[in-house]
Amino acid sequence: ASTPVTILSLSEDQIAQSNRTALTIPAGTYAGQEAD
């Protein structure tokens, strides 16, 4: 809300390497976020 930001997405391969659970934050959750 205070400055233009980009919230980075991880690739499928990066998520697999992390050994964590994949999660999608829907588009529009944050100001300026146009994609999931």
PDB file of all heavy atoms in Angstrom:
ATOM      1  N   ALA A   1       0.815  -1.216   0.000  1.00  0.00           N
ATOM      2  CA  ALA A   1       0.000   0.000   0.000  1.00  0.00           C
ATOM      3  C   ALA A   1       0.847   1.265   0.000  1.00  0.00           C
ATOM      4  O   ALA A   1       0.364   2.336  -0.388  1.00  0.00           O
ATOM      5  CB  ALA A   1      -0.924   0.002   1.221  1.00  0.00           C
ATOM      6  N   SER A   2       2.111   1.140   0.438  1.00  0.00           N
ATOM      7  CA  SER A   2       2.939   2.332   0.592  1.00  0.00           C
ATOM      8  C   SER A   2       3.947   2.542  -0.533  1.00  0.00           C
ATOM      9  O   SER A   2       4.417   3.649  -0.751  1.00  0.00           O
ATOM     10  CB  SER A   2       3.688   2.283   1.933  1.00  0.00           C
ATOM     11  OG  SER A   2       4.529   1.144   2.002  1.00  0.00           O
ATOM     12  N   THR A   3       4.257   1.482  -1.278  1.00  0.00           N
ATOM     13  CA  THR A   3       5.225   1.592  -2.377  1.00  0.00           C
ATOM     14  C   THR A   3       4.989   0.448  -3.360  1.00  0.00           C
ATOM     15  O   THR A   3       4.553  -0.638  -2.949  1.00  0.00           O
ATOM     16  CB  THR A   3       6.674   1.552  -1.839  1.00  0.00           C
ATOM     17  OG1 THR A   3       7.584   1.883  -2.876  1.00  0.00           O
ATOM     18  CG2 THR A   3       7.026   0.194  -1.273  1.00  0.00           C
ATOM     19  N   PRO A   4       5.247   0.646  -4.650  1.00  0.00           N
ATOM     20  CA  PRO A   4       5.045  -0.450  -5.611  1.00  0.00           C
ATOM     21  C   PRO A   4       5.976  -1.627  -5.311  1.00  0.00           C
ATOM     22  O   PRO A   4       7.195  -1.443  -5.177  1.00  0.00           O
ATOM     23  CB  PRO A   4       5.387   0.200  -6.954  1.00  0.00           C
ATOM     24  CG  PRO A   4       5.195   1.666  -6.741  1.00  0.00           C
ATOM     25  CD  PRO A   4       5.620   1.906  -5.321  1.00  0.00           C
ATOM     26  N   VAL A   5       5.413  -2.831  -5.196  1.00  0.00           N
ATOM     27  CA  VAL A   5       6.223  -4.011  -4.892  1.00  0.00           C
ATOM     28  C   VAL A   5       5.899  -5.149  -5.848  1.00  0.00           C
ATOM     29  O   VAL A   5       4.836  -5.162  -6.486  1.00  0.00           O
ATOM     30  CB  VAL A   5       5.996  -4.500  -3.431  1.00  0.00           C
ATOM     31  CG1 VAL A   5       6.352  -3.412  -2.428  1.00  0.00           C
ATOM     32  CG2 VAL A   5       4.569  -5.001  -3.229  1.00  0.00           C
ATOM     33  N   THR A   6       6.817  -6.078  -5.925  1.00  0.00           N
ATOM     34  CA  THR A   6       6.608  -7.337  -6.634  1.00  0.00           C
ATOM     35  C   THR A   6       6.790  -8.463  -5.631  1.00  0.00           C
ATOM     36  O   THR A   6       7.835  -8.534  -4.965  1.00  0.00           O
ATOM     37  CB  THR A   6       7.620  -7.517  -7.779  1.00  0.00           C
ATOM     38  OG1 THR A   6       7.478  -6.436  -8.711  1.00  0.00           O
ATOM     39  CG2 THR A   6       7.399  -8.838  -8.491  1.00  0.00           C
ATOM     40  N   ILE A   7       5.793  -9.303  -5.498  1.00  0.00           N
ATOM     41  CA  ILE A   7       5.888 -10.463  -4.604  1.00  0.00           C
ATOM     42  C   ILE A   7       6.219 -11.659  -5.487  1.00  0.00           C
ATOM     43  O   ILE A   7       5.454 -12.024  -6.377  1.00  0.00           O
ATOM     44  CB  ILE A   7       4.583 -10.662  -3.829  1.00  0.00           C
ATOM     45  CG1 ILE A   7       4.238  -9.389  -3.051  1.00  0.00           C
ATOM     46  CG2 ILE A   7       4.708 -11.847  -2.866  1.00  0.00           C
ATOM     47  CD1 ILE A   7       2.840  -9.365  -2.500  1.00  0.00           C
ATOM     48  N   LEU A   8       7.383 -12.232  -5.253  1.00  0.00           N
ATOM     49  CA  LEU A   8       7.934 -13.228  -6.158  1.00  0.00           C
ATOM     50  C   LEU A   8       7.219 -14.576  -6.056  1.00  0.00           C
ATOM     51  O   LEU A   8       6.854 -15.020  -4.970  1.00  0.00           O
ATOM     52  CB  LEU A   8       9.421 -13.429  -5.878  1.00  0.00           C
ATOM     53  CG  LEU A   8      10.296 -12.164  -5.885  1.00  0.00           C
ATOM     54  CD1 LEU A   8      11.749 -12.537  -5.595  1.00  0.00           C
ATOM     55  CD2 LEU A   8      10.181 -11.420  -7.216  1.00  0.00           C
ATOM     56  N   SER A   9       7.071 -15.216  -7.197  1.00  0.00           N
ATOM     57  CA  SER A   9       6.584 -16.584  -7.252  1.00  0.00           C
ATOM     58  C   SER A   9       7.767 -17.531  -7.373  1.00  0.00           C
ATOM     59  O   SER A   9       8.829 -17.166  -7.891  1.00  0.00           O
ATOM     60  CB  SER A   9       5.668 -16.787  -8.462  1.00  0.00           C
ATOM     61  OG  SER A   9       4.368 -16.301  -8.211  1.00  0.00           O
ATOM     62  N   LEU A  10       7.582 -18.752  -6.880  1.00  0.00           N
ATOM     63  CA  LEU A  10       8.588 -19.802  -7.019  1.00  0.00           C
ATOM     64  C   LEU A  10       8.142 -20.761  -8.115  1.00  0.00           C
ATOM     65  O   LEU A  10       6.946 -20.961  -8.325  1.00  0.00           O
ATOM     66  CB  LEU A  10       8.774 -20.563  -5.711  1.00  0.00           C
ATOM     67  CG  LEU A  10       9.669 -19.928  -4.642  1.00  0.00           C
ATOM     68  CD1 LEU A  10       9.044 -18.665  -4.071  1.00  0.00           C
ATOM     69  CD2 LEU A  10       9.948 -20.917  -3.506  1.00  0.00           C
ATOM     70  N   SER A  11       9.121 -21.350  -8.789  1.00  0.00           N
ATOM     71  CA  SER A  11       8.809 -22.327  -9.826  1.00  0.00           C
ATOM     72  C   SER A  11       8.434 -23.661  -9.181  1.00  0.00           C
ATOM     73  O   SER A  11       8.696 -23.886  -7.993  1.00  0.00           O
ATOM     74  CB  SER A  11      10.019 -22.526 -10.742  1.00  0.00           C
ATOM     75  OG  SER A  11      11.084 -23.160 -10.024  1.00  0.00           O
ATOM     76  N   GLU A  12       7.829 -24.543  -9.952  1.00  0.00           N
ATOM     77  CA  GLU A  12       7.492 -25.877  -9.442  1.00  0.00           C
ATOM     78  C   GLU A  12       8.730 -26.603  -8.935  1.00  0.00           C
ATOM     79  O   GLU A  12       8.704 -27.279  -7.903  1.00  0.00           O
ATOM     80  CB  GLU A  12       6.811 -26.702 -10.537  1.00  0.00           C
ATOM     81  CG  GLU A  12       5.384 -26.273 -10.855  1.00  0.00           C
ATOM     82  CD  GLU A  12       4.719 -27.216 -11.832  1.00  0.00           C
ATOM     83  OE1 GLU A  12       5.239 -28.342 -12.026  1.00  0.00           O
ATOM     84  OE2 GLU A  12       3.676 -26.845 -12.394  1.00  0.00           O
ATOM     85  N   ASP A  13       9.842 -26.449  -9.663  1.00  0.00           N
ATOM     86  CA  ASP A  13      11.081 -27.115  -9.271  1.00  0.00           C
ATOM     87  C   ASP A  13      11.610 -26.554  -7.949  1.00  0.00           C
ATOM     88  O   ASP A  13      12.064 -27.307  -7.082  1.00  0.00           O
ATOM     89  CB  ASP A  13      12.138 -26.937 -10.369  1.00  0.00           C
ATOM     90  CG  ASP A  13      13.428 -27.672 -10.039  1.00  0.00           C
ATOM     91  OD1 ASP A  13      13.372 -28.898  -9.815  1.00  0.00           O
ATOM     92  OD2 ASP A  13      14.484 -27.015  -9.986  1.00  0.00           O
ATOM     93  N   GLN A  14      11.540 -25.236  -7.785  1.00  0.00           N
ATOM     94  CA  GLN A  14      11.993 -24.621  -6.540  1.00  0.00           C
ATOM     95  C   GLN A  14      11.136 -25.055  -5.357  1.00  0.00           C
ATOM     96  O   GLN A  14      11.647 -25.317  -4.265  1.00  0.00           O
ATOM     97  CB  GLN A  14      11.987 -23.093  -6.679  1.00  0.00           C
ATOM     98  CG  GLN A  14      13.092 -22.566  -7.571  1.00  0.00           C
ATOM     99  CD  GLN A  14      12.939 -21.079  -7.884  1.00  0.00           C
ATOM    100  OE1 GLN A  14      11.814 -20.555  -7.946  1.00  0.00           O
ATOM    101  NE2 GLN A  14      14.051 -20.405  -8.091  1.00  0.00           N
ATOM    102  N   ILE A  15       9.840 -25.142  -5.578  1.00  0.00           N
ATOM    103  CA  ILE A  15       8.941 -25.598  -4.510  1.00  0.00           C
ATOM    104  C   ILE A  15       9.262 -27.041  -4.140  1.00  0.00           C
ATOM    105  O   ILE A  15       9.314 -27.394  -2.959  1.00  0.00           O
ATOM    106  CB  ILE A  15       7.472 -25.454  -4.943  1.00  0.00           C
ATOM    107  CG1 ILE A  15       7.108 -23.964  -5.054  1.00  0.00           C
ATOM    108  CG2 ILE A  15       6.537 -26.148  -3.955  1.00  0.00           C
ATOM    109  CD1 ILE A  15       5.732 -23.692  -5.648  1.00  0.00           C
ATOM    110  N   ALA A  16       9.529 -27.869  -5.136  1.00  0.00           N
ATOM    111  CA  ALA A  16       9.871 -29.268  -4.874  1.00  0.00           C
ATOM    112  C   ALA A  16      11.168 -29.370  -4.072  1.00  0.00           C
ATOM    113  O   ALA A  16      11.268 -30.164  -3.127  1.00  0.00           O
ATOM    114  CB  ALA A  16       9.995 -30.031  -6.183  1.00  0.00           C
ATOM    115  N   GLN A  17      12.160 -28.550  -4.424  1.00  0.00           N
ATOM    116  CA  GLN A  17      13.440 -28.575  -3.719  1.00  0.00           C
ATOM    117  C   GLN A  17      13.318 -28.086  -2.274  1.00  0.00           C
ATOM    118  O   GLN A  17      14.103 -28.491  -1.419  1.00  0.00           O
ATOM    119  CB  GLN A  17      14.469 -27.709  -4.451  1.00  0.00           C
ATOM    120  CG  GLN A  17      14.940 -28.269  -5.776  1.00  0.00           C
ATOM    121  CD  GLN A  17      16.022 -27.394  -6.403  1.00  0.00           C
ATOM    122  OE1 GLN A  17      17.096 -27.204  -5.837  1.00  0.00           O
ATOM    123  NE2 GLN A  17      15.726 -26.842  -7.566  1.00  0.00           N
ATOM    124  N   SER A  18      12.343 -27.243  -2.021  1.00  0.00           N
ATOM    125  CA  SER A  18      12.180 -26.679  -0.675  1.00  0.00           C
ATOM    126  C   SER A  18      11.634 -27.703   0.318  1.00  0.00           C
ATOM    127  O   SER A  18      11.726 -27.511   1.531  1.00  0.00           O
ATOM    128  CB  SER A  18      11.240 -25.467  -0.719  1.00  0.00           C
ATOM    129  OG  SER A  18       9.882 -25.875  -0.888  1.00  0.00           O
ATOM    130  N   ASN A  19      11.010 -28.776  -0.190  1.00  0.00           N
ATOM    131  CA  ASN A  19      10.351 -29.777   0.667  1.00  0.00           C
ATOM    132  C   ASN A  19       9.247 -29.172   1.519  1.00  0.00           C
ATOM    133  O   ASN A  19       8.961 -29.665   2.614  1.00  0.00           O
ATOM    134  CB  ASN A  19      11.374 -30.490   1.563  1.00  0.00           C
ATOM    135  CG  ASN A  19      12.250 -31.437   0.775  1.00  0.00           C
ATOM    136  OD1 ASN A  19      11.789 -32.113  -0.139  1.00  0.00           O
ATOM    137  ND2 ASN A  19      13.531 -31.476   1.122  1.00  0.00           N
ATOM    138  N   ARG A  20       8.638 -28.117   1.031  1.00  0.00           N
ATOM    139  CA  ARG A  20       7.508 -27.492   1.706  1.00  0.00           C
ATOM    140  C   ARG A  20       6.246 -27.682   0.870  1.00  0.00           C
ATOM    141  O   ARG A  20       6.295 -28.157  -0.263  1.00  0.00           O
ATOM    142  CB  ARG A  20       7.769 -25.996   1.939  1.00  0.00           C
ATOM    143  CG  ARG A  20       8.910 -25.694   2.884  1.00  0.00           C
ATOM    144  CD  ARG A  20       8.647 -26.227   4.271  1.00  0.00           C
ATOM    145  NE  ARG A  20       9.658 -25.787   5.236  1.00  0.00           N
ATOM    146  CZ  ARG A  20       9.828 -26.318   6.427  1.00  0.00           C
ATOM    147  NH1 ARG A  20       9.056 -27.323   6.825  1.00  0.00           N
ATOM    148  NH2 ARG A  20      10.769 -25.864   7.251  1.00  0.00           N
ATOM    149  N   THR A  21       5.134 -27.291   1.428  1.00  0.00           N
ATOM    150  CA  THR A  21       3.845 -27.450   0.765  1.00  0.00           C
ATOM    151  C   THR A  21       3.566 -26.261  -0.147  1.00  0.00           C
ATOM    152  O   THR A  21       3.716 -25.104   0.265  1.00  0.00           O
ATOM    153  CB  THR A  21       2.722 -27.560   1.811  1.00  0.00           C
ATOM    154  OG1 THR A  21       3.004 -28.657   2.685  1.00  0.00           O
ATOM    155  CG2 THR A  21       1.369 -27.761   1.151  1.00  0.00           C
ATOM    156  N   ALA A  22       3.184 -26.532  -1.378  1.00  0.00           N
ATOM    157  CA  ALA A  22       2.856 -25.460  -2.320  1.00  0.00           C
ATOM    158  C   ALA A  22       1.583 -24.742  -1.890  1.00  0.00           C
ATOM    159  O   ALA A  22       0.665 -25.352  -1.332  1.00  0.00           O
ATOM    160  CB  ALA A  22       2.682 -26.028  -3.722  1.00  0.00           C
ATOM    161  N   LEU A  23       1.533 -23.443  -2.145  1.00  0.00           N
ATOM    162  CA  LEU A  23       0.351 -22.652  -1.808  1.00  0.00           C
ATOM    163  C   LEU A  23       0.218 -21.523  -2.827  1.00  0.00           C
ATOM    164  O   LEU A  23       1.225 -20.948  -3.257  1.00  0.00           O
ATOM    165  CB  LEU A  23       0.481 -22.085  -0.393  1.00  0.00           C
ATOM    166  CG  LEU A  23      -0.730 -21.317   0.176  1.00  0.00           C
ATOM    167  CD1 LEU A  23      -0.872 -21.559   1.683  1.00  0.00           C
ATOM    168  CD2 LEU A  23      -0.605 -19.819  -0.075  1.00  0.00           C
ATOM    169  N   THR A  24      -1.015 -21.214  -3.193  1.00  0.00           N
ATOM    170  CA  THR A  24      -1.286 -20.129  -4.130  1.00  0.00           C
ATOM    171  C   THR A  24      -1.979 -18.980  -3.420  1.00  0.00           C
ATOM    172  O   THR A  24      -3.008 -19.168  -2.767  1.00  0.00           O
ATOM    173  CB  THR A  24      -2.175 -20.618  -5.286  1.00  0.00           C
ATOM    174  OG1 THR A  24      -1.497 -21.668  -5.992  1.00  0.00           O
ATOM    175  CG2 THR A  24      -2.477 -19.479  -6.250  1.00  0.00           C
ATOM    176  N   ILE A  25      -1.386 -17.792  -3.546  1.00  0.00           N
ATOM    177  CA  ILE A  25      -2.016 -16.575  -3.026  1.00  0.00           C
ATOM    178  C   ILE A  25      -2.761 -15.946  -4.201  1.00  0.00           C
ATOM    179  O   ILE A  25      -2.140 -15.550  -5.193  1.00  0.00           O
ATOM    180  CB  ILE A  25      -0.970 -15.589  -2.469  1.00  0.00           C
ATOM    181  CG1 ILE A  25      -0.161 -16.248  -1.342  1.00  0.00           C
ATOM    182  CG2 ILE A  25      -1.641 -14.313  -1.966  1.00  0.00           C
ATOM    183  CD1 ILE A  25       0.990 -15.388  -0.822  1.00  0.00           C
ATOM    184  N   PRO A  26      -4.078 -15.871  -4.133  1.00  0.00           N
ATOM    185  CA  PRO A  26      -4.861 -15.410  -5.295  1.00  0.00           C
ATOM    186  C   PRO A  26      -4.528 -13.978  -5.717  1.00  0.00           C
ATOM    187  O   PRO A  26      -4.165 -13.129  -4.896  1.00  0.00           O
ATOM    188  CB  PRO A  26      -6.309 -15.503  -4.795  1.00  0.00           C
ATOM    189  CG  PRO A  26      -6.261 -16.442  -3.637  1.00  0.00           C
ATOM    190  CD  PRO A  26      -4.935 -16.224  -2.992  1.00  0.00           C
ATOM    191  N   ALA A  27      -4.663 -13.733  -7.015  1.00  0.00           N
ATOM    192  CA  ALA A  27      -4.494 -12.387  -7.554  1.00  0.00           C
ATOM    193  C   ALA A  27      -5.418 -11.421  -6.829  1.00  0.00           C
ATOM    194  O   ALA A  27      -6.534 -11.773  -6.453  1.00  0.00           O
ATOM    195  CB  ALA A  27      -4.795 -12.386  -9.055  1.00  0.00           C
ATOM    196  N   GLY A  28      -4.932 -10.212  -6.608  1.00  0.00           N
ATOM    197  CA  GLY A  28      -5.741  -9.198  -5.954  1.00  0.00           C
ATOM    198  C   GLY A  28      -5.670  -9.213  -4.439  1.00  0.00           C
ATOM    199  O   GLY A  28      -6.290  -8.384  -3.777  1.00  0.00           O
ATOM    200  N   THR A  29      -4.900 -10.157  -3.872  1.00  0.00           N
ATOM    201  CA  THR A  29      -4.771 -10.207  -2.419  1.00  0.00           C
ATOM    202  C   THR A  29      -4.068  -8.962  -1.900  1.00  0.00           C
ATOM    203  O   THR A  29      -4.436  -8.407  -0.857  1.00  0.00           O
ATOM    204  CB  THR A  29      -4.000 -11.473  -1.994  1.00  0.00           C
ATOM    205  OG1 THR A  29      -4.737 -12.629  -2.398  1.00  0.00           O
ATOM    206  CG2 THR A  29      -3.799 -11.515  -0.482  1.00  0.00           C
ATOM    207  N   TYR A  30      -3.050  -8.524  -2.641  1.00  0.00           N
ATOM    208  CA  TYR A  30      -2.284  -7.333  -2.255  1.00  0.00           C
ATOM    209  C   TYR A  30      -2.407  -6.261  -3.338  1.00  0.00           C
ATOM    210  O   TYR A  30      -2.649  -6.571  -4.510  1.00  0.00           O
ATOM    211  CB  TYR A  30      -0.803  -7.694  -2.046  1.00  0.00           C
ATOM    212  CG  TYR A  30      -0.580  -8.717  -0.956  1.00  0.00           C
ATOM    213  CD1 TYR A  30      -0.189 -10.023  -1.264  1.00  0.00           C
ATOM    214  CD2 TYR A  30      -0.775  -8.392   0.379  1.00  0.00           C
ATOM    215  CE1 TYR A  30       0.011 -10.971  -0.267  1.00  0.00           C
ATOM    216  CE2 TYR A  30      -0.580  -9.333   1.386  1.00  0.00           C
ATOM    217  CZ  TYR A  30      -0.197 -10.620   1.060  1.00  0.00           C
ATOM    218  OH  TYR A  30      -0.008 -11.546   2.054  1.00  0.00           O
ATOM    219  N   ALA A  31      -2.250  -5.017  -2.954  1.00  0.00           N
ATOM    220  CA  ALA A  31      -2.333  -3.899  -3.897  1.00  0.00           C
ATOM    221  C   ALA A  31      -1.334  -4.101  -5.035  1.00  0.00           C
ATOM    222  O   ALA A  31      -0.157  -4.402  -4.802  1.00  0.00           O
ATOM    223  CB  ALA A  31      -2.040  -2.582  -3.167  1.00  0.00           C
ATOM    224  N   GLY A  32      -1.827  -3.961  -6.262  1.00  0.00           N
ATOM    225  CA  GLY A  32      -0.966  -4.082  -7.427  1.00  0.00           C
ATOM    226  C   GLY A  32      -0.669  -5.505  -7.855  1.00  0.00           C
ATOM    227  O   GLY A  32       0.033  -5.721  -8.853  1.00  0.00           O
ATOM    228  N   GLN A  33      -1.200  -6.498  -7.156  1.00  0.00           N
ATOM    229  CA  GLN A  33      -0.943  -7.912  -7.486  1.00  0.00           C
ATOM    230  C   GLN A  33      -1.967  -8.377  -8.519  1.00  0.00           C
ATOM    231  O   GLN A  33      -3.109  -8.674  -8.192  1.00  0.00           O
ATOM    232  CB  GLN A  33      -1.011  -8.782  -6.232  1.00  0.00           C
ATOM    233  CG  GLN A  33      -0.773 -10.260  -6.510  1.00  0.00           C
ATOM    234  CD  GLN A  33      -1.348 -11.170  -5.430  1.00  0.00           C
ATOM    235  OE1 GLN A  33      -1.640 -10.736  -4.326  1.00  0.00           O
ATOM    236  NE2 GLN A  33      -1.548 -12.435  -5.775  1.00  0.00           N
ATOM    237  N   GLU A  34      -1.533  -8.491  -9.761  1.00  0.00           N
ATOM    238  CA  GLU A  34      -2.458  -8.809 -10.849  1.00  0.00           C
ATOM    239  C   GLU A  34      -2.535 -10.294 -11.157  1.00  0.00           C
ATOM    240  O   GLU A  34      -3.437 -10.732 -11.886  1.00  0.00           O
ATOM    241  CB  GLU A  34      -2.060  -8.033 -12.100  1.00  0.00           C
ATOM    242  CG  GLU A  34      -2.156  -6.508 -11.920  1.00  0.00           C
ATOM    243  CD  GLU A  34      -1.755  -5.749 -13.163  1.00  0.00           C
ATOM    244  OE1 GLU A  34      -1.291  -6.398 -14.125  1.00  0.00           O
ATOM    245  OE2 GLU A  34      -1.900  -4.514 -13.170  1.00  0.00           O
ATOM    246  N   ALA A  35      -1.589 -11.065 -10.654  1.00  0.00           N
ATOM    247  CA  ALA A  35      -1.582 -12.511 -10.950  1.00  0.00           C
ATOM    248  C   ALA A  35      -1.442 -13.314  -9.655  1.00  0.00           C
ATOM    249  O   ALA A  35      -1.029 -12.782  -8.620  1.00  0.00           O
ATOM    250  CB  ALA A  35      -0.431 -12.847 -11.903  1.00  0.00           C
ATOM    251  N   ASP A  36      -1.801 -14.593  -9.735  1.00  0.00           N
ATOM    252  CA  ASP A  36      -1.607 -15.474  -8.584  1.00  0.00           C
ATOM    253  C   ASP A  36      -0.123 -15.555  -8.232  1.00  0.00           C
ATOM    254  O   ASP A  36       0.742 -15.453  -9.117  1.00  0.00           O
ATOM    255  CB  ASP A  36      -2.107 -16.883  -8.893  1.00  0.00           C
ATOM    256  CG  ASP A  36      -3.615 -16.975  -9.010  1.00  0.00           C
ATOM    257  OD1 ASP A  36      -4.299 -15.989  -8.662  1.00  0.00           O
ATOM    258  OD2 ASP A  36      -4.107 -18.031  -9.455  1.00  0.00           O
TER     259      ASP A  36
END
